[in-house]
């Protein structure tokens, strides 16, 4: 049974979920299949050189509601899970709102974030194949730490293409890579055809998560002994994140009868999908629960994008999935929250948005950071940049409750900042932060390319 300790609601190790929950199985519509370059649905055989067999099954078996968590993965999870659910009572007092605010604190993992929830099982499955190396792409320290820790735990070497720091030869996350012995490459790099072409055509500072993933995927296709890891977007990454939502349901049951709002920031959306996973069935059944995805205003994939087949990487090397996208050719402005500068949204979240079971809203950088500062000063936790966007919308909803004099239960998830040399709020406090607005001409050009593909 959950234990309520002041404003914290705790679960014991025995209450850690033994199965992942697949939100796709609860969708009111069938999820469109992943497609290969041949124009046909991708087969298991096509994915076998890249992914371990269990991940392929989790990706393609959309009708199965539960997948067992392997014992070695569950043992690793027990190093930090179950995570606490905390009532943000001081934030409630600061806002003078009748809303009750609860957050899952996902900062206790080796990476300091939810990224470890999927890094660990992916590394485990790669180790089970007999492969010795795992390769992936990302945009900074959290995924580097998550993958580095997971690879080390299961005896793998790891290589990560991480977005290049502007004007340098260095990648974001190099300090974390040194801790875990990760071979890190600044992306775009000179090590792959994708990277070389990108540098030639767009310059060395044109990196993004999509470019880094393209480089990693290219390496996995040409090196038989290497397997590829995906940080987000794909169905299996959303599945792995469902431990967050499942724990939250048990914890909330100890103190509340009904959840009214579930809020989460999205880049590609797998963390959000995991948080809302156990609430999808309720929402579709007609329960009064609102699922809100928060986007960076400069990368409005749900709110401005097109529902179309698109690749996860910038070069179109990977199979395509049906999702809301602003186009893999879109080069988003350089806002500080790198994880939210992604062109597409997970197919499960996209399908829920299309069916109007998820709503989406955008917030800009300065207003998100300003809201994050309010949270930090109230609760004493310095937030990761993406969590600030979540908190911005939570505060908006809490203030609407105040204005309407009504109670509500709001659930969200946060991760703390892992920055040690500077406060993440320094650019805001120093007055140097700017809102990087999207370029309408660039967005229009990228969307037109997606529309052209749709007409083919």
Protein backbone atom coordinates (compact mmCIF):
# COMPACT_ATOMS: atom_id res chain seq x y z
CA UNK A 1 0.00 0.00 0.00
CA UNK A 2 1.20 3.57 -0.65
CA UNK A 3 2.60 5.39 2.37
CA UNK A 4 1.79 9.06 2.89
CA UNK A 5 4.66 10.88 4.59
CA UNK A 6 3.73 14.53 4.91
CA UNK A 7 3.42 15.77 1.33
CA UNK A 8 5.17 12.71 -0.15
CA UNK A 9 3.42 9.55 -1.28
CA UNK A 10 5.76 6.59 -1.43
CA UNK A 11 5.57 3.06 -2.82
CA UNK A 12 7.63 0.10 -1.69
CA UNK A 13 9.90 -1.88 -4.00
CA UNK A 14 7.22 -4.60 -4.15
CA UNK A 15 4.87 -2.10 -5.75
CA UNK A 16 7.15 -1.35 -8.68
CA UNK A 17 5.22 -2.35 -11.83
CA UNK A 18 6.04 -5.80 -13.16
CA UNK A 19 4.64 -5.02 -16.61
CA UNK A 20 4.85 -2.10 -18.98
CA UNK A 21 1.50 -0.72 -20.11
CA UNK A 22 1.01 -0.20 -23.84
CA UNK A 23 -1.24 2.86 -24.39
CA UNK A 24 -1.59 1.98 -28.07
CA UNK A 25 -3.80 -0.97 -27.17
CA UNK A 26 -6.38 1.46 -25.75
CA UNK A 27 -6.57 3.73 -28.80
CA UNK A 28 -10.03 4.12 -30.37
CA UNK A 29 -8.45 3.79 -33.81
CA UNK A 30 -5.83 1.48 -35.23
CA UNK A 31 -2.38 3.03 -35.26
CA UNK A 32 -1.02 3.32 -38.83
CA UNK A 33 1.91 0.92 -39.36
CA UNK A 34 5.56 1.87 -39.56
CA UNK A 35 6.50 2.00 -43.24
CA UNK A 36 9.67 0.96 -45.03
CA UNK A 37 11.20 2.73 -48.02
CA UNK A 38 9.55 0.13 -50.25
CA UNK A 39 6.20 1.74 -49.51
CA UNK A 40 4.97 -1.28 -47.55
CA UNK A 41 4.62 -1.82 -43.80
CA UNK A 42 7.98 -2.58 -42.29
CA UNK A 43 8.67 -6.21 -41.38
CA UNK A 44 10.42 -7.67 -38.38
CA UNK A 45 13.12 -8.94 -40.72
CA UNK A 46 13.89 -5.41 -41.91
CA UNK A 47 14.38 -4.20 -38.33
CA UNK A 48 16.42 -7.16 -37.05
CA UNK A 49 19.83 -5.77 -38.09
CA UNK A 50 19.12 -2.59 -36.11
CA UNK A 51 17.07 -3.53 -33.03
CA UNK A 52 16.92 -6.56 -30.70
CA UNK A 53 13.93 -8.86 -31.26
CA UNK A 54 12.02 -7.91 -28.04
CA UNK A 55 12.09 -4.23 -29.00
CA UNK A 56 10.80 -5.10 -32.47
CA UNK A 57 7.92 -7.02 -30.92
CA UNK A 58 7.13 -4.11 -28.59
CA UNK A 59 7.22 -1.72 -31.54
CA UNK A 60 5.01 -3.69 -33.89
CA UNK A 61 2.59 -5.55 -31.60
CA UNK A 62 0.15 -2.70 -31.06
CA UNK A 63 -2.72 -4.91 -29.84
CA UNK A 64 -0.94 -6.26 -26.79
CA UNK A 65 -1.77 -4.22 -23.67
CA UNK A 66 1.05 -5.44 -21.37
CA UNK A 67 4.65 -6.56 -21.74
CA UNK A 68 6.53 -8.16 -18.86
CA UNK A 69 9.48 -6.20 -17.49
CA UNK A 70 12.49 -8.56 -17.53
CA UNK A 71 13.98 -9.29 -14.10
CA UNK A 72 17.39 -7.69 -14.91
CA UNK A 73 15.59 -4.49 -15.97
CA UNK A 74 13.38 -4.50 -12.91
CA UNK A 75 16.42 -5.01 -10.70
CA UNK A 76 18.03 -1.97 -12.32
CA UNK A 77 14.84 0.07 -11.90
CA UNK A 78 14.87 -0.71 -8.17
CA UNK A 79 18.00 1.44 -7.83
CA UNK A 80 15.69 4.47 -8.09
CA UNK A 81 12.12 3.34 -8.59
CA UNK A 82 9.37 3.68 -7.50
CA UNK A 83 9.81 7.45 -7.53
CA UNK A 84 7.92 9.68 -5.09
CA UNK A 85 4.73 11.55 -5.83
CA UNK A 86 4.88 14.93 -4.11
CA UNK A 87 2.15 17.45 -3.44
CA UNK A 88 3.40 20.91 -4.42
CA UNK A 89 1.75 22.51 -1.40
CA UNK A 90 4.08 25.51 -1.25
CA UNK A 91 3.40 26.29 -4.91
CA UNK A 92 -0.34 26.01 -4.17
CA UNK A 93 0.10 28.52 -1.34
CA UNK A 94 2.14 30.85 -3.53
CA UNK A 95 -0.55 30.82 -6.21
CA UNK A 96 -3.40 30.87 -3.68
CA UNK A 97 -5.17 28.28 -5.81
CA UNK A 98 -7.77 25.74 -4.71
CA UNK A 99 -6.21 23.26 -7.16
CA UNK A 100 -4.20 20.38 -5.71
CA UNK A 101 -0.93 19.92 -7.55
CA UNK A 102 0.96 16.61 -7.55
CA UNK A 103 4.22 15.88 -9.32
CA UNK A 104 6.19 12.71 -9.97
CA UNK A 105 9.82 13.44 -9.19
CA UNK A 106 11.86 11.64 -11.85
CA UNK A 107 15.24 12.95 -10.68
CA UNK A 108 16.52 9.96 -8.71
CA UNK A 109 17.81 7.88 -11.61
CA UNK A 110 21.50 7.61 -12.61
CA UNK A 111 20.81 10.12 -15.38
CA UNK A 112 18.77 12.42 -13.14
CA UNK A 113 15.80 12.03 -15.47
CA UNK A 114 13.18 9.73 -16.95
CA UNK A 115 15.59 8.90 -19.81
CA UNK A 116 16.90 5.91 -17.83
CA UNK A 117 13.46 4.27 -17.95
CA UNK A 118 14.04 3.35 -21.61
CA UNK A 119 17.86 3.34 -21.75
CA UNK A 120 18.07 0.43 -19.29
CA UNK A 121 15.76 -1.99 -21.14
CA UNK A 122 17.28 -1.11 -24.50
CA UNK A 123 20.78 -1.87 -23.21
CA UNK A 124 19.56 -5.09 -21.61
CA UNK A 125 18.01 -6.33 -24.84
CA UNK A 126 21.15 -5.43 -26.83
CA UNK A 127 23.28 -7.40 -24.35
CA UNK A 128 20.93 -10.37 -24.78
CA UNK A 129 21.60 -10.41 -28.54
CA UNK A 130 25.32 -10.85 -27.95
CA UNK A 131 26.15 -7.47 -29.45
CA UNK A 132 28.86 -5.51 -27.66
CA UNK A 133 28.19 -1.93 -28.81
CA UNK A 134 25.17 0.32 -28.68
CA UNK A 135 25.00 3.52 -30.72
CA UNK A 136 22.53 6.38 -30.49
CA UNK A 137 21.99 10.08 -31.06
CA UNK A 138 20.90 12.84 -28.70
CA UNK A 139 21.07 16.47 -27.74
CA UNK A 140 22.89 16.58 -24.43
CA UNK A 141 23.84 15.27 -21.05
CA UNK A 142 20.71 13.50 -19.85
CA UNK A 143 20.53 10.91 -22.63
CA UNK A 144 24.32 10.58 -22.56
CA UNK A 145 24.19 9.78 -18.84
CA UNK A 146 21.22 7.46 -19.22
CA UNK A 147 22.76 5.50 -22.07
CA UNK A 148 26.24 5.51 -20.54
CA UNK A 149 24.98 4.12 -17.25
CA UNK A 150 22.75 1.53 -18.95
CA UNK A 151 25.53 0.35 -21.26
CA UNK A 152 28.00 0.06 -18.38
CA UNK A 153 25.52 -1.90 -16.29
CA UNK A 154 25.10 -4.50 -19.02
CA UNK A 155 28.75 -4.64 -20.12
CA UNK A 156 28.38 -2.75 -23.41
CA UNK A 157 30.44 -0.04 -25.03
CA UNK A 158 28.46 2.96 -26.16
CA UNK A 159 28.86 5.64 -28.78
CA UNK A 160 26.65 8.69 -28.89
CA UNK A 161 26.37 11.34 -31.59
CA UNK A 162 25.38 14.44 -29.62
CA UNK A 163 24.56 17.89 -30.97
CA UNK A 164 27.62 20.11 -31.35
CA UNK A 165 27.97 23.14 -29.10
CA UNK A 166 27.78 26.18 -31.41
CA UNK A 167 31.13 27.52 -32.58
CA UNK A 168 33.12 24.66 -31.04
CA UNK A 169 34.37 21.17 -31.70
CA UNK A 170 32.63 19.91 -28.56
CA UNK A 171 29.38 18.00 -28.09
CA UNK A 172 26.75 18.67 -25.47
CA UNK A 173 27.17 16.10 -22.72
CA UNK A 174 30.93 15.55 -22.92
CA UNK A 175 31.39 15.77 -19.15
CA UNK A 176 28.77 13.08 -18.63
CA UNK A 177 30.37 10.97 -21.35
CA UNK A 178 33.69 11.02 -19.50
CA UNK A 179 32.02 9.81 -16.31
CA UNK A 180 30.50 6.76 -18.00
CA UNK A 181 33.22 6.07 -20.57
CA UNK A 182 31.02 6.93 -23.53
CA UNK A 183 32.62 7.52 -26.92
CA UNK A 184 30.94 10.80 -27.86
CA UNK A 185 30.97 12.52 -31.25
CA UNK A 186 29.97 16.12 -31.89
CA UNK A 187 27.17 16.06 -34.47
CA UNK A 188 27.27 16.77 -37.33
CA UNK A 189 30.56 14.90 -37.47
CA UNK A 190 33.13 13.87 -40.05
CA UNK A 191 32.66 10.19 -39.12
CA UNK A 192 29.57 9.52 -41.24
CA UNK A 193 28.35 10.34 -44.73
CA UNK A 194 25.34 12.06 -43.18
CA UNK A 195 27.53 14.23 -40.98
CA UNK A 196 29.94 15.21 -43.75
CA UNK A 197 27.08 16.13 -46.06
CA UNK A 198 25.41 18.17 -43.35
CA UNK A 199 28.57 20.14 -42.61
CA UNK A 200 29.07 20.84 -46.31
CA UNK A 201 25.51 21.93 -46.99
CA UNK A 202 24.43 23.56 -43.72
CA UNK A 203 27.58 24.14 -41.68
CA UNK A 204 29.02 22.60 -38.54
CA UNK A 205 26.54 24.36 -36.24
CA UNK A 206 23.46 22.89 -37.95
CA UNK A 207 23.06 19.97 -35.59
CA UNK A 208 19.81 18.71 -34.08
CA UNK A 209 18.51 15.54 -32.48
CA UNK A 210 17.28 14.42 -35.91
CA UNK A 211 20.76 14.85 -37.43
CA UNK A 212 22.44 13.03 -34.54
CA UNK A 213 19.99 10.15 -34.88
CA UNK A 214 20.68 9.96 -38.62
CA UNK A 215 24.40 9.62 -37.97
CA UNK A 216 23.90 6.93 -35.35
CA UNK A 217 21.43 5.03 -37.52
CA UNK A 218 23.84 5.14 -40.45
CA UNK A 219 26.57 3.57 -38.32
CA UNK A 220 24.22 0.83 -37.11
CA UNK A 221 23.32 -0.07 -40.70
CA UNK A 222 26.93 -0.52 -41.81
CA UNK A 223 28.33 -2.22 -38.70
CA UNK A 224 26.85 -5.65 -38.07
CA UNK A 225 28.11 -5.83 -34.48
CA UNK A 226 26.36 -2.59 -33.48
CA UNK A 227 22.75 -2.09 -32.35
CA UNK A 228 20.86 1.18 -32.40
CA UNK A 229 19.10 2.82 -29.42
CA UNK A 230 16.29 5.34 -29.72
CA UNK A 231 15.74 7.92 -26.97
CA UNK A 232 12.13 8.76 -27.81
CA UNK A 233 9.34 8.79 -30.44
CA UNK A 234 9.03 5.05 -31.15
CA UNK A 235 6.32 2.94 -29.56
CA UNK A 236 8.66 0.95 -27.34
CA UNK A 237 10.09 4.10 -25.76
CA UNK A 238 6.57 5.21 -24.77
CA UNK A 239 5.93 1.72 -23.43
CA UNK A 240 9.02 1.84 -21.17
CA UNK A 241 7.99 5.23 -19.78
CA UNK A 242 4.63 3.84 -18.65
CA UNK A 243 6.16 2.94 -15.28
CA UNK A 244 5.76 6.63 -14.41
CA UNK A 245 2.01 6.73 -14.99
CA UNK A 246 1.36 3.35 -13.41
CA UNK A 247 3.13 4.35 -10.21
CA UNK A 248 1.29 7.68 -10.14
CA UNK A 249 -2.11 5.94 -10.30
CA UNK A 250 -1.30 3.83 -7.22
CA UNK A 251 0.02 6.84 -5.34
CA UNK A 252 -2.88 9.16 -6.15
CA UNK A 253 -5.38 6.51 -5.12
CA UNK A 254 -4.14 6.94 -1.54
CA UNK A 255 -5.16 10.63 -1.40
CA UNK A 256 -7.50 11.51 -4.27
CA UNK A 257 -10.57 10.04 -5.93
CA UNK A 258 -10.21 11.66 -9.34
CA UNK A 259 -7.50 13.26 -11.47
CA UNK A 260 -8.75 16.17 -13.57
CA UNK A 261 -5.63 17.21 -15.50
CA UNK A 262 -2.43 15.46 -16.60
CA UNK A 263 0.19 17.81 -18.01
CA UNK A 264 3.55 17.18 -19.66
CA UNK A 265 6.07 18.86 -21.93
CA UNK A 266 6.82 17.13 -25.21
CA UNK A 267 9.70 16.97 -27.60
CA UNK A 268 8.92 13.73 -29.38
CA UNK A 269 6.52 12.84 -26.60
CA UNK A 270 7.46 9.42 -25.16
CA UNK A 271 7.72 10.69 -21.58
CA UNK A 272 4.30 12.33 -21.88
CA UNK A 273 2.90 9.12 -23.38
CA UNK A 274 4.21 7.15 -20.41
CA UNK A 275 2.73 9.58 -17.91
CA UNK A 276 -0.74 9.49 -19.49
CA UNK A 277 -0.68 5.75 -20.37
CA UNK A 278 -3.00 4.53 -17.58
CA UNK A 279 -5.39 7.45 -18.10
CA UNK A 280 -5.94 6.91 -21.83
CA UNK A 281 -8.58 4.23 -21.34
CA UNK A 282 -10.43 6.44 -18.83
CA UNK A 283 -10.35 9.43 -21.16
CA UNK A 284 -11.66 7.43 -24.12
CA UNK A 285 -14.40 5.97 -21.90
CA UNK A 286 -15.61 9.51 -21.24
CA UNK A 287 -14.09 10.30 -17.85
CA UNK A 288 -13.62 13.99 -17.08
CA UNK A 289 -9.86 14.07 -17.44
CA UNK A 290 -7.85 16.45 -19.63
CA UNK A 291 -4.51 15.37 -21.10
CA UNK A 292 -2.38 18.37 -22.07
CA UNK A 293 0.85 18.30 -24.09
CA UNK A 294 3.06 21.41 -23.92
CA UNK A 295 5.23 22.38 -26.89
CA UNK A 296 8.03 24.90 -27.37
CA UNK A 297 6.54 27.75 -29.38
CA UNK A 298 9.38 27.56 -31.91
CA UNK A 299 8.71 23.87 -32.72
CA UNK A 300 4.91 23.52 -32.84
CA UNK A 301 4.63 19.97 -34.17
CA UNK A 302 1.12 19.26 -32.85
CA UNK A 303 -0.33 22.76 -33.03
CA UNK A 304 1.03 23.71 -36.45
CA UNK A 305 2.25 20.44 -37.97
CA UNK A 306 0.81 18.03 -40.53
CA UNK A 307 -0.38 14.49 -39.77
CA UNK A 308 1.77 12.52 -42.18
CA UNK A 309 4.36 9.81 -42.57
CA UNK A 310 7.80 11.18 -41.74
CA UNK A 311 11.16 9.79 -40.65
CA UNK A 312 12.58 10.16 -37.17
CA UNK A 313 15.94 11.32 -38.52
CA UNK A 314 16.89 14.31 -40.66
CA UNK A 315 18.01 12.30 -43.68
CA UNK A 316 15.09 9.91 -44.00
CA UNK A 317 17.22 6.83 -43.39
CA UNK A 318 14.89 5.33 -40.81
CA UNK A 319 11.48 3.83 -41.54
CA UNK A 320 8.67 6.37 -41.42
CA UNK A 321 5.84 6.63 -38.91
CA UNK A 322 2.53 8.47 -39.05
CA UNK A 323 2.75 11.46 -36.75
CA UNK A 324 2.24 15.16 -36.46
CA UNK A 325 5.36 16.74 -37.88
CA UNK A 326 6.73 20.07 -39.05
CA UNK A 327 8.99 18.10 -41.39
CA UNK A 328 12.38 16.49 -40.88
CA UNK A 329 13.89 19.34 -42.93
CA UNK A 330 12.74 21.90 -40.36
CA UNK A 331 15.69 23.46 -38.54
CA UNK A 332 14.26 24.86 -35.28
CA UNK A 333 15.64 27.99 -33.61
CA UNK A 334 18.30 27.48 -30.97
CA UNK A 335 16.23 27.60 -27.78
CA UNK A 336 17.93 26.23 -24.69
CA UNK A 337 15.64 23.22 -24.29
CA UNK A 338 17.25 20.99 -26.88
CA UNK A 339 14.98 18.01 -26.20
CA UNK A 340 11.95 20.04 -27.32
CA UNK A 341 13.47 20.99 -30.68
CA UNK A 342 12.21 17.84 -32.39
CA UNK A 343 10.22 17.88 -35.60
CA UNK A 344 7.68 15.14 -34.85
CA UNK A 345 5.55 13.69 -32.07
CA UNK A 346 5.22 10.03 -31.03
CA UNK A 347 2.59 8.18 -33.09
CA UNK A 348 0.52 7.30 -30.01
CA UNK A 349 0.39 10.93 -28.84
CA UNK A 350 -0.29 12.10 -32.40
CA UNK A 351 -3.19 9.66 -32.74
CA UNK A 352 -4.67 10.76 -29.42
CA UNK A 353 -4.35 14.40 -30.45
CA UNK A 354 -6.00 13.68 -33.81
CA UNK A 355 -8.90 11.99 -32.01
CA UNK A 356 -9.13 14.98 -29.64
CA UNK A 357 -8.23 13.02 -26.53
CA UNK A 358 -5.07 15.08 -26.06
CA UNK A 359 -4.94 18.84 -26.30
CA UNK A 360 -1.79 20.78 -27.15
CA UNK A 361 -0.58 24.21 -26.18
CA UNK A 362 2.62 26.15 -26.82
CA UNK A 363 4.68 28.29 -24.47
CA UNK A 364 7.73 30.38 -25.25
CA UNK A 365 11.11 30.18 -23.60
CA UNK A 366 10.99 33.26 -21.37
CA UNK A 367 7.52 32.57 -19.98
CA UNK A 368 8.44 28.93 -19.32
CA UNK A 369 11.64 29.84 -17.49
CA UNK A 370 9.80 32.52 -15.53
CA UNK A 371 7.24 29.94 -14.39
CA UNK A 372 10.07 27.55 -13.54
CA UNK A 373 11.60 30.17 -11.29
CA UNK A 374 8.30 30.54 -9.42
CA UNK A 375 8.24 26.77 -8.86
CA UNK A 376 11.87 26.66 -7.74
CA UNK A 377 11.43 29.44 -5.22
CA UNK A 378 8.31 27.75 -3.85
CA UNK A 379 9.34 24.10 -3.85
CA UNK A 380 13.14 24.35 -3.65
CA UNK A 381 13.85 22.26 -6.75
CA UNK A 382 15.80 23.73 -9.67
CA UNK A 383 14.05 22.40 -12.74
CA UNK A 384 15.33 21.00 -16.00
CA UNK A 385 14.40 23.27 -18.92
CA UNK A 386 11.70 20.95 -20.29
CA UNK A 387 10.06 20.72 -16.86
CA UNK A 388 9.71 24.50 -16.84
CA UNK A 389 7.32 24.26 -19.79
CA UNK A 390 5.26 21.69 -17.92
CA UNK A 391 5.16 23.92 -14.85
CA UNK A 392 4.14 26.94 -16.93
CA UNK A 393 0.98 25.16 -18.06
CA UNK A 394 0.33 23.73 -14.59
CA UNK A 395 0.42 27.27 -13.18
CA UNK A 396 -1.91 28.47 -15.95
CA UNK A 397 -4.43 25.76 -15.12
CA UNK A 398 -4.08 26.35 -11.37
CA UNK A 399 -4.78 30.06 -11.86
CA UNK A 400 -7.86 29.28 -13.94
CA UNK A 401 -9.10 27.18 -11.02
CA UNK A 402 -8.47 30.16 -8.75
CA UNK A 403 -10.37 32.55 -11.01
CA UNK A 404 -13.29 30.13 -11.29
CA UNK A 405 -13.15 29.21 -7.57
CA UNK A 406 -13.14 25.50 -8.26
CA UNK A 407 -11.07 22.60 -7.04
CA UNK A 408 -9.15 20.29 -9.32
CA UNK A 409 -6.40 17.68 -9.15
CA UNK A 410 -3.46 18.29 -11.51
CA UNK A 411 -0.81 15.62 -12.10
CA UNK A 412 2.52 16.34 -13.76
CA UNK A 413 6.09 15.08 -13.80
CA UNK A 414 9.37 16.93 -13.34
CA UNK A 415 13.09 16.36 -13.53
CA UNK A 416 15.67 18.55 -11.83
CA UNK A 417 18.47 20.47 -13.48
CA UNK A 418 21.78 18.61 -13.63
CA UNK A 419 23.79 21.75 -14.46
CA UNK A 420 26.52 22.39 -11.87
CA UNK A 421 28.66 25.24 -13.23
CA UNK A 422 25.85 27.73 -13.80
CA UNK A 423 22.23 28.03 -12.79
CA UNK A 424 19.85 27.20 -15.62
CA UNK A 425 18.10 30.46 -14.75
CA UNK A 426 21.19 32.65 -15.30
CA UNK A 427 20.23 33.76 -18.84
CA UNK A 428 16.79 34.80 -17.55
CA UNK A 429 18.13 36.57 -14.47
CA UNK A 430 20.93 38.26 -16.43
CA UNK A 431 18.46 39.55 -19.00
CA UNK A 432 20.25 37.87 -21.91
CA UNK A 433 17.56 35.30 -22.69
CA UNK A 434 15.60 35.83 -25.86
CA UNK A 435 12.54 34.16 -27.28
CA UNK A 436 13.62 32.52 -30.52
CA UNK A 437 10.62 32.80 -32.79
CA UNK A 438 10.06 30.37 -35.58
CA UNK A 439 10.66 31.60 -39.10
CA UNK A 440 7.36 31.36 -40.93
CA UNK A 441 9.08 30.99 -44.30
CA UNK A 442 11.16 28.06 -43.09
CA UNK A 443 8.19 26.35 -41.45
CA UNK A 444 6.09 26.84 -44.59
CA UNK A 445 8.86 25.40 -46.75
CA UNK A 446 9.25 22.36 -44.52
CA UNK A 447 5.51 21.74 -44.30
CA UNK A 448 5.17 22.04 -48.07
CA UNK A 449 7.71 19.23 -48.48
CA UNK A 450 5.63 17.05 -46.17
CA UNK A 451 2.50 17.93 -48.15
CA UNK A 452 4.27 16.98 -51.39
CA UNK A 453 5.06 13.57 -49.93
CA UNK A 454 1.40 13.15 -48.97
CA UNK A 455 0.31 13.78 -52.57
CA UNK A 456 2.66 11.14 -53.98
